[in-house]
């Protein structure tokens, strides 16, 4: 398991991008259309993913695992399931809530060619 992203939903992608890039010195790493931008954070391997697809989605860490299905089978009982494993481009993702209410995203890249 590896912490890959901090997921930050936003209703105003340009304003959020400007803040993290221009004020905090983050560097744009990749972009997906007009709704998602990943930023490299100075001094860290973890990226900040700004996403305007669902501004009301809960913010939280995104962990990459070998298999979301296996993670779900082994750990779902310890977490509140927000979104069961579902297919996403390149693999699968599931969303959970920890005991303190923090959203936790788990994804794999099992179908990424």
PDB file of N, CA and C in Angstrom:
ATOM      1  N   UNK A   1       0.858  -1.168   0.000  1.00  0.00           N
ATOM      2  CA  UNK A   1       0.000   0.000   0.000  1.00  0.00           C
ATOM      3  C   UNK A   1       0.905   1.232   0.000  1.00  0.00           C
ATOM      4  N   UNK A   2       0.545   2.187  -0.828  1.00  0.00           N
ATOM      5  CA  UNK A   2       1.323   3.423  -0.930  1.00  0.00           C
ATOM      6  C   UNK A   2       0.378   4.620  -0.978  1.00  0.00           C
ATOM      7  N   UNK A   3       0.680   5.634  -0.164  1.00  0.00           N
ATOM      8  CA  UNK A   3      -0.078   6.882  -0.249  1.00  0.00           C
ATOM      9  C   UNK A   3       0.372   7.597  -1.509  1.00  0.00           C
ATOM     10  N   UNK A   4      -0.545   7.746  -2.460  1.00  0.00           N
ATOM     11  CA  UNK A   4      -0.212   8.319  -3.768  1.00  0.00           C
ATOM     12  C   UNK A   4      -0.667   9.767  -3.900  1.00  0.00           C
ATOM     13  N   UNK A   5      -1.903  10.045  -3.461  1.00  0.00           N
ATOM     14  CA  UNK A   5      -2.495  11.367  -3.634  1.00  0.00           C
ATOM     15  C   UNK A   5      -3.180  11.836  -2.359  1.00  0.00           C
ATOM     16  N   UNK A   6      -3.297  13.130  -2.235  1.00  0.00           N
ATOM     17  CA  UNK A   6      -4.269  13.739  -1.337  1.00  0.00           C
ATOM     18  C   UNK A   6      -5.338  14.279  -2.266  1.00  0.00           C
ATOM     19  N   UNK A   7      -6.548  13.772  -2.157  1.00  0.00           N
ATOM     20  CA  UNK A   7      -7.654  14.128  -3.038  1.00  0.00           C
ATOM     21  C   UNK A   7      -8.347  15.364  -2.483  1.00  0.00           C
ATOM     22  N   UNK A   8      -8.392  16.419  -3.283  1.00  0.00           N
ATOM     23  CA  UNK A   8      -8.990  17.684  -2.856  1.00  0.00           C
ATOM     24  C   UNK A   8     -10.041  18.127  -3.870  1.00  0.00           C
ATOM     25  N   UNK A   9     -11.316  17.837  -3.612  1.00  0.00           N
ATOM     26  CA  UNK A   9     -12.378  18.311  -4.498  1.00  0.00           C
ATOM     27  C   UNK A   9     -12.454  19.838  -4.444  1.00  0.00           C
ATOM     28  N   UNK A  10     -12.852  20.428  -5.553  1.00  0.00           N
ATOM     29  CA  UNK A  10     -12.953  21.883  -5.619  1.00  0.00           C
ATOM     30  C   UNK A  10     -14.082  22.295  -6.541  1.00  0.00           C
ATOM     31  N   UNK A  11     -14.749  23.384  -6.216  1.00  0.00           N
ATOM     32  CA  UNK A  11     -15.776  23.954  -7.087  1.00  0.00           C
ATOM     33  C   UNK A  11     -15.155  24.956  -8.051  1.00  0.00           C
ATOM     34  N   UNK A  12     -13.902  25.352  -7.812  1.00  0.00           N
ATOM     35  CA  UNK A  12     -13.233  26.357  -8.642  1.00  0.00           C
ATOM     36  C   UNK A  12     -11.799  25.913  -8.903  1.00  0.00           C
ATOM     37  N   UNK A  13     -11.638  25.062  -9.923  1.00  0.00           N
ATOM     38  CA  UNK A  13     -10.323  24.512 -10.228  1.00  0.00           C
ATOM     39  C   UNK A  13      -9.274  25.587 -10.509  1.00  0.00           C
ATOM     40  N   UNK A  14      -9.554  26.612 -11.333  1.00  0.00           N
ATOM     41  CA  UNK A  14      -8.530  27.630 -11.578  1.00  0.00           C
ATOM     42  C   UNK A  14      -8.051  28.329 -10.291  1.00  0.00           C
ATOM     43  N   UNK A  15      -8.981  28.649  -9.393  1.00  0.00           N
ATOM     44  CA  UNK A  15      -8.591  29.317  -8.148  1.00  0.00           C
ATOM     45  C   UNK A  15      -7.770  28.381  -7.258  1.00  0.00           C
ATOM     46  N   UNK A  16      -8.175  27.120  -7.168  1.00  0.00           N
ATOM     47  CA  UNK A  16      -7.427  26.155  -6.358  1.00  0.00           C
ATOM     48  C   UNK A  16      -6.047  25.917  -6.949  1.00  0.00           C
ATOM     49  N   UNK A  17      -5.982  25.755  -8.251  1.00  0.00           N
ATOM     50  CA  UNK A  17      -4.698  25.561  -8.924  1.00  0.00           C
ATOM     51  C   UNK A  17      -3.780  26.743  -8.671  1.00  0.00           C
ATOM     52  N   UNK A  18      -4.306  27.937  -8.801  1.00  0.00           N
ATOM     53  CA  UNK A  18      -3.513  29.140  -8.568  1.00  0.00           C
ATOM     54  C   UNK A  18      -2.957  29.177  -7.140  1.00  0.00           C
ATOM     55  N   UNK A  19      -3.782  28.838  -6.167  1.00  0.00           N
ATOM     56  CA  UNK A  19      -3.340  28.845  -4.774  1.00  0.00           C
ATOM     57  C   UNK A  19      -2.185  27.872  -4.557  1.00  0.00           C
ATOM     58  N   UNK A  20      -2.386  26.610  -4.920  1.00  0.00           N
ATOM     59  CA  UNK A  20      -1.378  25.598  -4.624  1.00  0.00           C
ATOM     60  C   UNK A  20      -0.129  25.754  -5.488  1.00  0.00           C
ATOM     61  N   UNK A  21      -0.285  26.210  -6.713  1.00  0.00           N
ATOM     62  CA  UNK A  21       0.866  26.398  -7.595  1.00  0.00           C
ATOM     63  C   UNK A  21       1.613  27.686  -7.259  1.00  0.00           C
ATOM     64  N   UNK A  22       0.895  28.794  -7.185  1.00  0.00           N
ATOM     65  CA  UNK A  22       1.536  30.101  -7.062  1.00  0.00           C
ATOM     66  C   UNK A  22       1.899  30.481  -5.630  1.00  0.00           C
ATOM     67  N   UNK A  23       1.116  30.040  -4.663  1.00  0.00           N
ATOM     68  CA  UNK A  23       1.384  30.396  -3.270  1.00  0.00           C
ATOM     69  C   UNK A  23       2.238  29.331  -2.580  1.00  0.00           C
ATOM     70  N   UNK A  24       1.879  28.045  -2.796  1.00  0.00           N
ATOM     71  CA  UNK A  24       2.587  26.971  -2.110  1.00  0.00           C
ATOM     72  C   UNK A  24       3.721  26.353  -2.922  1.00  0.00           C
ATOM     73  N   UNK A  25       3.887  26.749  -4.182  1.00  0.00           N
ATOM     74  CA  UNK A  25       5.004  26.283  -4.990  1.00  0.00           C
ATOM     75  C   UNK A  25       4.867  24.881  -5.551  1.00  0.00           C
ATOM     76  N   UNK A  26       3.640  24.352  -5.618  1.00  0.00           N
ATOM     77  CA  UNK A  26       3.427  23.030  -6.203  1.00  0.00           C
ATOM     78  C   UNK A  26       3.603  23.110  -7.718  1.00  0.00           C
ATOM     79  N   UNK A  27       4.020  21.980  -8.294  1.00  0.00           N
ATOM     80  CA  UNK A  27       4.262  21.919  -9.740  1.00  0.00           C
ATOM     81  C   UNK A  27       3.249  20.994 -10.406  1.00  0.00           C
ATOM     82  N   UNK A  28       2.646  21.457 -11.496  1.00  0.00           N
ATOM     83  CA  UNK A  28       1.677  20.623 -12.207  1.00  0.00           C
ATOM     84  C   UNK A  28       2.386  19.409 -12.792  1.00  0.00           C
ATOM     85  N   UNK A  29       1.872  18.219 -12.466  1.00  0.00           N
ATOM     86  CA  UNK A  29       2.459  16.956 -12.922  1.00  0.00           C
ATOM     87  C   UNK A  29       1.674  16.387 -14.103  1.00  0.00           C
ATOM     88  N   UNK A  30       0.355  16.371 -13.992  1.00  0.00           N
ATOM     89  CA  UNK A  30      -0.493  15.904 -15.085  1.00  0.00           C
ATOM     90  C   UNK A  30      -1.877  16.516 -14.950  1.00  0.00           C
ATOM     91  N   UNK A  31      -2.607  16.421 -16.033  1.00  0.00           N
ATOM     92  CA  UNK A  31      -3.946  17.009 -16.105  1.00  0.00           C
ATOM     93  C   UNK A  31      -4.842  16.056 -16.876  1.00  0.00           C
ATOM     94  N   UNK A  32      -6.097  15.964 -16.426  1.00  0.00           N
ATOM     95  CA  UNK A  32      -7.092  15.159 -17.124  1.00  0.00           C
ATOM     96  C   UNK A  32      -8.238  16.084 -17.512  1.00  0.00           C
ATOM     97  N   UNK A  33      -8.232  16.501 -18.758  1.00  0.00           N
ATOM     98  CA  UNK A  33      -9.261  17.417 -19.241  1.00  0.00           C
ATOM     99  C   UNK A  33      -9.243  18.733 -18.488  1.00  0.00           C
ATOM    100  N   UNK A  34     -10.430  19.312 -18.328  1.00  0.00           N
ATOM    101  CA  UNK A  34     -10.570  20.595 -17.631  1.00  0.00           C
ATOM    102  C   UNK A  34     -11.026  20.430 -16.191  1.00  0.00           C
ATOM    103  N   UNK A  35     -10.977  19.183 -15.665  1.00  0.00           N
ATOM    104  CA  UNK A  35     -11.545  18.968 -14.335  1.00  0.00           C
ATOM    105  C   UNK A  35     -10.573  18.442 -13.291  1.00  0.00           C
ATOM    106  N   UNK A  36      -9.442  17.891 -13.700  1.00  0.00           N
ATOM    107  CA  UNK A  36      -8.536  17.266 -12.735  1.00  0.00           C
ATOM    108  C   UNK A  36      -7.091  17.662 -13.022  1.00  0.00           C
ATOM    109  N   UNK A  37      -6.385  18.078 -11.962  1.00  0.00           N
ATOM    110  CA  UNK A  37      -4.969  18.427 -12.065  1.00  0.00           C
ATOM    111  C   UNK A  37      -4.246  17.803 -10.877  1.00  0.00           C
ATOM    112  N   UNK A  38      -3.118  17.147 -11.153  1.00  0.00           N
ATOM    113  CA  UNK A  38      -2.274  16.614 -10.080  1.00  0.00           C
ATOM    114  C   UNK A  38      -1.051  17.505  -9.941  1.00  0.00           C
ATOM    115  N   UNK A  39      -0.719  17.803  -8.702  1.00  0.00           N
ATOM    116  CA  UNK A  39       0.396  18.690  -8.413  1.00  0.00           C
ATOM    117  C   UNK A  39       1.426  17.969  -7.557  1.00  0.00           C
ATOM    118  N   UNK A  40       2.695  18.167  -7.900  1.00  0.00           N
ATOM    119  CA  UNK A  40       3.774  17.679  -7.067  1.00  0.00           C
ATOM    120  C   UNK A  40       4.016  18.671  -5.954  1.00  0.00           C
ATOM    121  N   UNK A  41       4.091  18.168  -4.736  1.00  0.00           N
ATOM    122  CA  UNK A  41       4.296  19.025  -3.574  1.00  0.00           C
ATOM    123  C   UNK A  41       5.785  19.075  -3.247  1.00  0.00           C
ATOM    124  N   UNK A  42       6.327  20.264  -3.049  1.00  0.00           N
ATOM    125  CA  UNK A  42       7.752  20.372  -2.752  1.00  0.00           C
ATOM    126  C   UNK A  42       8.140  19.509  -1.551  1.00  0.00           C
ATOM    127  N   UNK A  43       9.200  18.710  -1.724  1.00  0.00           N
ATOM    128  CA  UNK A  43       9.702  17.885  -0.638  1.00  0.00           C
ATOM    129  C   UNK A  43       8.899  16.632  -0.348  1.00  0.00           C
ATOM    130  N   UNK A  44       8.004  16.229  -1.254  1.00  0.00           N
ATOM    131  CA  UNK A  44       7.146  15.072  -1.008  1.00  0.00           C
ATOM    132  C   UNK A  44       6.942  14.263  -2.281  1.00  0.00           C
ATOM    133  N   UNK A  45       6.787  12.955  -2.125  1.00  0.00           N
ATOM    134  CA  UNK A  45       6.439  12.096  -3.263  1.00  0.00           C
ATOM    135  C   UNK A  45       4.927  12.022  -3.455  1.00  0.00           C
ATOM    136  N   UNK A  46       4.166  12.483  -2.469  1.00  0.00           N
ATOM    137  CA  UNK A  46       2.707  12.459  -2.542  1.00  0.00           C
ATOM    138  C   UNK A  46       2.238  13.631  -3.396  1.00  0.00           C
ATOM    139  N   UNK A  47       1.289  13.366  -4.266  1.00  0.00           N
ATOM    140  CA  UNK A  47       0.745  14.413  -5.131  1.00  0.00           C
ATOM    141  C   UNK A  47      -0.594  14.909  -4.569  1.00  0.00           C
ATOM    142  N   UNK A  48      -0.905  16.155  -4.851  1.00  0.00           N
ATOM    143  CA  UNK A  48      -2.203  16.737  -4.525  1.00  0.00           C
ATOM    144  C   UNK A  48      -3.047  16.669  -5.787  1.00  0.00           C
ATOM    145  N   UNK A  49      -4.197  16.010  -5.710  1.00  0.00           N
ATOM    146  CA  UNK A  49      -5.078  15.906  -6.871  1.00  0.00           C
ATOM    147  C   UNK A  49      -6.270  16.827  -6.667  1.00  0.00           C
ATOM    148  N   UNK A  50      -6.312  17.901  -7.433  1.00  0.00           N
ATOM    149  CA  UNK A  50      -7.450  18.829  -7.427  1.00  0.00           C
ATOM    150  C   UNK A  50      -8.464  18.311  -8.430  1.00  0.00           C
ATOM    151  N   UNK A  51      -9.730  18.219  -8.026  1.00  0.00           N
ATOM    152  CA  UNK A  51     -10.733  17.631  -8.898  1.00  0.00           C
ATOM    153  C   UNK A  51     -12.044  18.387  -8.795  1.00  0.00           C
ATOM    154  N   UNK A  52     -12.556  18.815  -9.938  1.00  0.00           N
ATOM    155  CA  UNK A  52     -13.802  19.576  -9.980  1.00  0.00           C
ATOM    156  C   UNK A  52     -14.982  18.736 -10.461  1.00  0.00           C
ATOM    157  N   UNK A  53     -14.813  17.427 -10.611  1.00  0.00           N
ATOM    158  CA  UNK A  53     -15.917  16.583 -11.069  1.00  0.00           C
ATOM    159  C   UNK A  53     -17.067  16.541 -10.073  1.00  0.00           C
ATOM    160  N   UNK A  54     -16.748  16.460  -8.793  1.00  0.00           N
ATOM    161  CA  UNK A  54     -17.772  16.429  -7.747  1.00  0.00           C
ATOM    162  C   UNK A  54     -17.260  17.256  -6.572  1.00  0.00           C
ATOM    163  N   UNK A  55     -17.525  18.555  -6.579  1.00  0.00           N
ATOM    164  CA  UNK A  55     -17.001  19.429  -5.527  1.00  0.00           C
ATOM    165  C   UNK A  55     -17.439  19.044  -4.116  1.00  0.00           C
ATOM    166  N   UNK A  56     -18.523  18.266  -4.005  1.00  0.00           N
ATOM    167  CA  UNK A  56     -19.017  17.861  -2.695  1.00  0.00           C
ATOM    168  C   UNK A  56     -18.463  16.511  -2.231  1.00  0.00           C
ATOM    169  N   UNK A  57     -17.614  15.887  -3.049  1.00  0.00           N
ATOM    170  CA  UNK A  57     -17.014  14.614  -2.644  1.00  0.00           C
ATOM    171  C   UNK A  57     -16.127  14.854  -1.425  1.00  0.00           C
ATOM    172  N   UNK A  58     -16.011  13.869  -0.556  1.00  0.00           N
ATOM    173  CA  UNK A  58     -15.167  14.076   0.619  1.00  0.00           C
ATOM    174  C   UNK A  58     -13.680  14.061   0.250  1.00  0.00           C
ATOM    175  N   UNK A  59     -12.936  14.983   0.817  1.00  0.00           N
ATOM    176  CA  UNK A  59     -11.485  15.017   0.626  1.00  0.00           C
ATOM    177  C   UNK A  59     -10.870  13.880   1.435  1.00  0.00           C
ATOM    178  N   UNK A  60      -9.713  13.413   0.988  1.00  0.00           N
ATOM    179  CA  UNK A  60      -9.031  12.375   1.753  1.00  0.00           C
ATOM    180  C   UNK A  60      -7.855  11.790   1.015  1.00  0.00           C
ATOM    181  N   UNK A  61      -7.129  10.906   1.676  1.00  0.00           N
ATOM    182  CA  UNK A  61      -5.967  10.272   1.063  1.00  0.00           C
ATOM    183  C   UNK A  61      -6.399   9.208   0.053  1.00  0.00           C
ATOM    184  N   UNK A  62      -5.553   9.001  -0.964  1.00  0.00           N
ATOM    185  CA  UNK A  62      -5.759   7.953  -1.962  1.00  0.00           C
ATOM    186  C   UNK A  62      -4.570   7.005  -1.869  1.00  0.00           C
ATOM    187  N   UNK A  63      -4.855   5.764  -1.495  1.00  0.00           N
ATOM    188  CA  UNK A  63      -3.819   4.747  -1.391  1.00  0.00           C
ATOM    189  C   UNK A  63      -3.880   3.832  -2.606  1.00  0.00           C
ATOM    190  N   UNK A  64      -2.718   3.478  -3.156  1.00  0.00           N
ATOM    191  CA  UNK A  64      -2.642   2.517  -4.251  1.00  0.00           C
ATOM    192  C   UNK A  64      -2.289   1.163  -3.658  1.00  0.00           C
ATOM    193  N   UNK A  65      -3.075   0.160  -4.031  1.00  0.00           N
ATOM    194  CA  UNK A  65      -2.860  -1.214  -3.590  1.00  0.00           C
ATOM    195  C   UNK A  65      -2.755  -2.106  -4.818  1.00  0.00           C
ATOM    196  N   UNK A  66      -2.300  -3.342  -4.619  1.00  0.00           N
ATOM    197  CA  UNK A  66      -2.204  -4.273  -5.742  1.00  0.00           C
ATOM    198  C   UNK A  66      -3.577  -4.675  -6.269  1.00  0.00           C
ATOM    199  N   UNK A  67      -4.531  -4.856  -5.352  1.00  0.00           N
ATOM    200  CA  UNK A  67      -5.868  -5.298  -5.745  1.00  0.00           C
ATOM    201  C   UNK A  67      -6.918  -4.689  -4.815  1.00  0.00           C
ATOM    202  N   UNK A  68      -7.783  -3.866  -5.372  1.00  0.00           N
ATOM    203  CA  UNK A  68      -8.876  -3.290  -4.590  1.00  0.00           C
ATOM    204  C   UNK A  68      -9.820  -4.392  -4.124  1.00  0.00           C
ATOM    205  N   UNK A  69     -10.080  -5.372  -4.980  1.00  0.00           N
ATOM    206  CA  UNK A  69     -10.982  -6.466  -4.597  1.00  0.00           C
ATOM    207  C   UNK A  69     -10.437  -7.201  -3.374  1.00  0.00           C
ATOM    208  N   UNK A  70      -9.157  -7.501  -3.351  1.00  0.00           N
ATOM    209  CA  UNK A  70      -8.556  -8.203  -2.221  1.00  0.00           C
ATOM    210  C   UNK A  70      -8.567  -7.312  -0.969  1.00  0.00           C
ATOM    211  N   UNK A  71      -8.224  -6.017  -1.133  1.00  0.00           N
ATOM    212  CA  UNK A  71      -8.263  -5.091  -0.002  1.00  0.00           C
ATOM    213  C   UNK A  71      -9.665  -5.059   0.594  1.00  0.00           C
ATOM    214  N   UNK A  72     -10.669  -4.955  -0.259  1.00  0.00           N
ATOM    215  CA  UNK A  72     -12.062  -4.879   0.184  1.00  0.00           C
ATOM    216  C   UNK A  72     -12.453  -6.147   0.944  1.00  0.00           C
ATOM    217  N   UNK A  73     -12.083  -7.279   0.402  1.00  0.00           N
ATOM    218  CA  UNK A  73     -12.399  -8.557   1.035  1.00  0.00           C
ATOM    219  C   UNK A  73     -11.753  -8.672   2.423  1.00  0.00           C
ATOM    220  N   UNK A  74     -10.527  -8.198   2.550  1.00  0.00           N
ATOM    221  CA  UNK A  74      -9.775  -8.347   3.797  1.00  0.00           C
ATOM    222  C   UNK A  74     -10.049  -7.256   4.830  1.00  0.00           C
ATOM    223  N   UNK A  75     -10.483  -6.043   4.398  1.00  0.00           N
ATOM    224  CA  UNK A  75     -10.550  -4.908   5.326  1.00  0.00           C
ATOM    225  C   UNK A  75     -11.897  -4.198   5.417  1.00  0.00           C
ATOM    226  N   UNK A  76     -12.860  -4.526   4.592  1.00  0.00           N
ATOM    227  CA  UNK A  76     -14.125  -3.786   4.573  1.00  0.00           C
ATOM    228  C   UNK A  76     -14.843  -3.829   5.915  1.00  0.00           C
ATOM    229  N   UNK A  77     -14.687  -4.909   6.676  1.00  0.00           N
ATOM    230  CA  UNK A  77     -15.375  -5.014   7.963  1.00  0.00           C
ATOM    231  C   UNK A  77     -14.861  -3.996   8.981  1.00  0.00           C
ATOM    232  N   UNK A  78     -13.624  -3.532   8.800  1.00  0.00           N
ATOM    233  CA  UNK A  78     -13.023  -2.569   9.739  1.00  0.00           C
ATOM    234  C   UNK A  78     -13.326  -1.122   9.367  1.00  0.00           C
ATOM    235  N   UNK A  79     -13.907  -0.917   8.206  1.00  0.00           N
ATOM    236  CA  UNK A  79     -14.172   0.430   7.694  1.00  0.00           C
ATOM    237  C   UNK A  79     -15.625   0.539   7.257  1.00  0.00           C
ATOM    238  N   UNK A  80     -16.159   1.739   7.286  1.00  0.00           N
ATOM    239  CA  UNK A  80     -17.481   1.977   6.721  1.00  0.00           C
ATOM    240  C   UNK A  80     -17.325   2.114   5.213  1.00  0.00           C
ATOM    241  N   UNK A  81     -18.053   1.321   4.461  1.00  0.00           N
ATOM    242  CA  UNK A  81     -17.966   1.371   3.006  1.00  0.00           C
ATOM    243  C   UNK A  81     -18.839   2.514   2.500  1.00  0.00           C
ATOM    244  N   UNK A  82     -18.219   3.480   1.836  1.00  0.00           N
ATOM    245  CA  UNK A  82     -18.955   4.577   1.204  1.00  0.00           C
ATOM    246  C   UNK A  82     -19.301   4.179  -0.221  1.00  0.00           C
ATOM    247  N   UNK A  83     -18.329   3.622  -0.917  1.00  0.00           N
ATOM    248  CA  UNK A  83     -18.521   3.199  -2.302  1.00  0.00           C
ATOM    249  C   UNK A  83     -17.786   1.878  -2.500  1.00  0.00           C
ATOM    250  N   UNK A  84     -18.519   0.821  -2.801  1.00  0.00           N
ATOM    251  CA  UNK A  84     -17.919  -0.495  -3.026  1.00  0.00           C
ATOM    252  C   UNK A  84     -16.986  -0.436  -4.232  1.00  0.00           C
ATOM    253  N   UNK A  85     -16.112  -1.425  -4.368  1.00  0.00           N
ATOM    254  CA  UNK A  85     -15.201  -1.418  -5.515  1.00  0.00           C
ATOM    255  C   UNK A  85     -15.955  -1.240  -6.831  1.00  0.00           C
ATOM    256  N   UNK A  86     -15.401  -0.334  -7.635  1.00  0.00           N
ATOM    257  CA  UNK A  86     -15.989  -0.072  -8.954  1.00  0.00           C
ATOM    258  C   UNK A  86     -14.853   0.144  -9.948  1.00  0.00           C
ATOM    259  N   UNK A  87     -15.152  -0.114 -11.191  1.00  0.00           N
ATOM    260  CA  UNK A  87     -14.141   0.059 -12.232  1.00  0.00           C
ATOM    261  C   UNK A  87     -13.938   1.537 -12.534  1.00  0.00           C
ATOM    262  N   UNK A  88     -12.685   1.916 -12.683  1.00  0.00           N
ATOM    263  CA  UNK A  88     -12.289   3.263 -13.103  1.00  0.00           C
ATOM    264  C   UNK A  88     -11.294   3.082 -14.244  1.00  0.00           C
ATOM    265  N   UNK A  89     -10.987   4.119 -14.995  1.00  0.00           N
ATOM    266  CA  UNK A  89      -9.983   3.959 -16.051  1.00  0.00           C
ATOM    267  C   UNK A  89      -8.664   3.432 -15.466  1.00  0.00           C
ATOM    268  N   UNK A  90      -8.212   2.306 -15.970  1.00  0.00           N
ATOM    269  CA  UNK A  90      -6.945   1.725 -15.543  1.00  0.00           C
ATOM    270  C   UNK A  90      -7.023   0.767 -14.377  1.00  0.00           C
ATOM    271  N   UNK A  91      -8.204   0.603 -13.767  1.00  0.00           N
ATOM    272  CA  UNK A  91      -8.276  -0.310 -12.629  1.00  0.00           C
ATOM    273  C   UNK A  91      -9.570  -0.219 -11.863  1.00  0.00           C
ATOM    274  N   UNK A  92      -9.453  -0.246 -10.529  1.00  0.00           N
ATOM    275  CA  UNK A  92     -10.615  -0.227  -9.656  1.00  0.00           C
ATOM    276  C   UNK A  92     -10.381   0.720  -8.492  1.00  0.00           C
ATOM    277  N   UNK A  93     -11.485   1.210  -7.916  1.00  0.00           N
ATOM    278  CA  UNK A  93     -11.416   2.112  -6.765  1.00  0.00           C
ATOM    279  C   UNK A  93     -12.556   1.784  -5.805  1.00  0.00           C
ATOM    280  N   UNK A  94     -12.299   1.974  -4.523  1.00  0.00           N
ATOM    281  CA  UNK A  94     -13.322   1.872  -3.489  1.00  0.00           C
ATOM    282  C   UNK A  94     -13.108   3.026  -2.518  1.00  0.00           C
ATOM    283  N   UNK A  95     -14.180   3.425  -1.852  1.00  0.00           N
ATOM    284  CA  UNK A  95     -14.104   4.535  -0.898  1.00  0.00           C
ATOM    285  C   UNK A  95     -14.666   4.076   0.433  1.00  0.00           C
ATOM    286  N   UNK A  96     -13.945   4.434   1.497  1.00  0.00           N
ATOM    287  CA  UNK A  96     -14.314   4.040   2.852  1.00  0.00           C
ATOM    288  C   UNK A  96     -14.302   5.260   3.760  1.00  0.00           C
ATOM    289  N   UNK A  97     -14.824   5.084   4.962  1.00  0.00           N
ATOM    290  CA  UNK A  97     -14.747   6.114   5.995  1.00  0.00           C
ATOM    291  C   UNK A  97     -14.129   5.457   7.216  1.00  0.00           C
ATOM    292  N   UNK A  98     -13.123   6.114   7.789  1.00  0.00           N
ATOM    293  CA  UNK A  98     -12.484   5.561   8.979  1.00  0.00           C
ATOM    294  C   UNK A  98     -13.324   5.886  10.217  1.00  0.00           C
ATOM    295  N   UNK A  99     -12.966   5.361  11.388  1.00  0.00           N
ATOM    296  CA  UNK A  99     -13.775   5.604  12.585  1.00  0.00           C
ATOM    297  C   UNK A  99     -13.941   7.079  12.951  1.00  0.00           C
ATOM    298  N   UNK A 100     -13.002   7.933  12.524  1.00  0.00           N
ATOM    299  CA  UNK A 100     -13.101   9.363  12.827  1.00  0.00           C
ATOM    300  C   UNK A 100     -13.883  10.135  11.766  1.00  0.00           C
ATOM    301  N   UNK A 101     -14.325   9.449  10.699  1.00  0.00           N
ATOM    302  CA  UNK A 101     -15.115  10.103   9.661  1.00  0.00           C
ATOM    303  C   UNK A 101     -14.332  10.524   8.430  1.00  0.00           C
ATOM    304  N   UNK A 102     -13.026  10.261   8.394  1.00  0.00           N
ATOM    305  CA  UNK A 102     -12.191  10.645   7.246  1.00  0.00           C
ATOM    306  C   UNK A 102     -12.448   9.703   6.074  1.00  0.00           C
ATOM    307  N   UNK A 103     -12.631  10.268   4.890  1.00  0.00           N
ATOM    308  CA  UNK A 103     -12.763   9.446   3.684  1.00  0.00           C
ATOM    309  C   UNK A 103     -11.396   8.890   3.314  1.00  0.00           C
ATOM    310  N   UNK A 104     -11.376   7.622   2.926  1.00  0.00           N
ATOM    311  CA  UNK A 104     -10.164   6.947   2.480  1.00  0.00           C
ATOM    312  C   UNK A 104     -10.472   6.317   1.125  1.00  0.00           C
ATOM    313  N   UNK A 105      -9.683   6.671   0.136  1.00  0.00           N
ATOM    314  CA  UNK A 105      -9.832   6.110  -1.199  1.00  0.00           C
ATOM    315  C   UNK A 105      -8.742   5.062  -1.411  1.00  0.00           C
ATOM    316  N   UNK A 106      -9.119   3.930  -1.994  1.00  0.00           N
ATOM    317  CA  UNK A 106      -8.171   2.864  -2.304  1.00  0.00           C
ATOM    318  C   UNK A 106      -8.353   2.548  -3.782  1.00  0.00           C
ATOM    319  N   UNK A 107      -7.240   2.536  -4.505  1.00  0.00           N
ATOM    320  CA  UNK A 107      -7.331   2.260  -5.943  1.00  0.00           C
ATOM    321  C   UNK A 107      -6.223   1.305  -6.364  1.00  0.00           C
ATOM    322  N   UNK A 108      -6.455   0.638  -7.483  1.00  0.00           N
ATOM    323  CA  UNK A 108      -5.388  -0.140  -8.109  1.00  0.00           C
ATOM    324  C   UNK A 108      -5.317   0.245  -9.569  1.00  0.00           C
ATOM    325  N   UNK A 109      -4.281  -0.192 -10.212  1.00  0.00           N
ATOM    326  CA  UNK A 109      -4.094   0.087 -11.635  1.00  0.00           C
ATOM    327  C   UNK A 109      -3.974  -1.234 -12.374  1.00  0.00           C
ATOM    328  N   UNK A 110      -4.852  -2.162 -12.007  1.00  0.00           N
ATOM    329  CA  UNK A 110      -4.768  -3.541 -12.468  1.00  0.00           C
ATOM    330  C   UNK A 110      -5.108  -3.740 -13.938  1.00  0.00           C
ATOM    331  N   UNK A 111      -5.825  -2.817 -14.556  1.00  0.00           N
ATOM    332  CA  UNK A 111      -6.165  -2.979 -15.965  1.00  0.00           C
ATOM    333  C   UNK A 111      -5.420  -1.991 -16.848  1.00  0.00           C
ATOM    334  N   UNK A 112      -4.516  -1.226 -16.250  1.00  0.00           N
ATOM    335  CA  UNK A 112      -3.738  -0.234 -16.992  1.00  0.00           C
ATOM    336  C   UNK A 112      -2.715  -0.965 -17.860  1.00  0.00           C
ATOM    337  N   UNK A 113      -2.797  -0.743 -19.152  1.00  0.00           N
ATOM    338  CA  UNK A 113      -1.880  -1.454 -20.072  1.00  0.00           C
ATOM    339  C   UNK A 113      -0.531  -0.774 -20.139  1.00  0.00           C
TER     340      UNK A 113
END
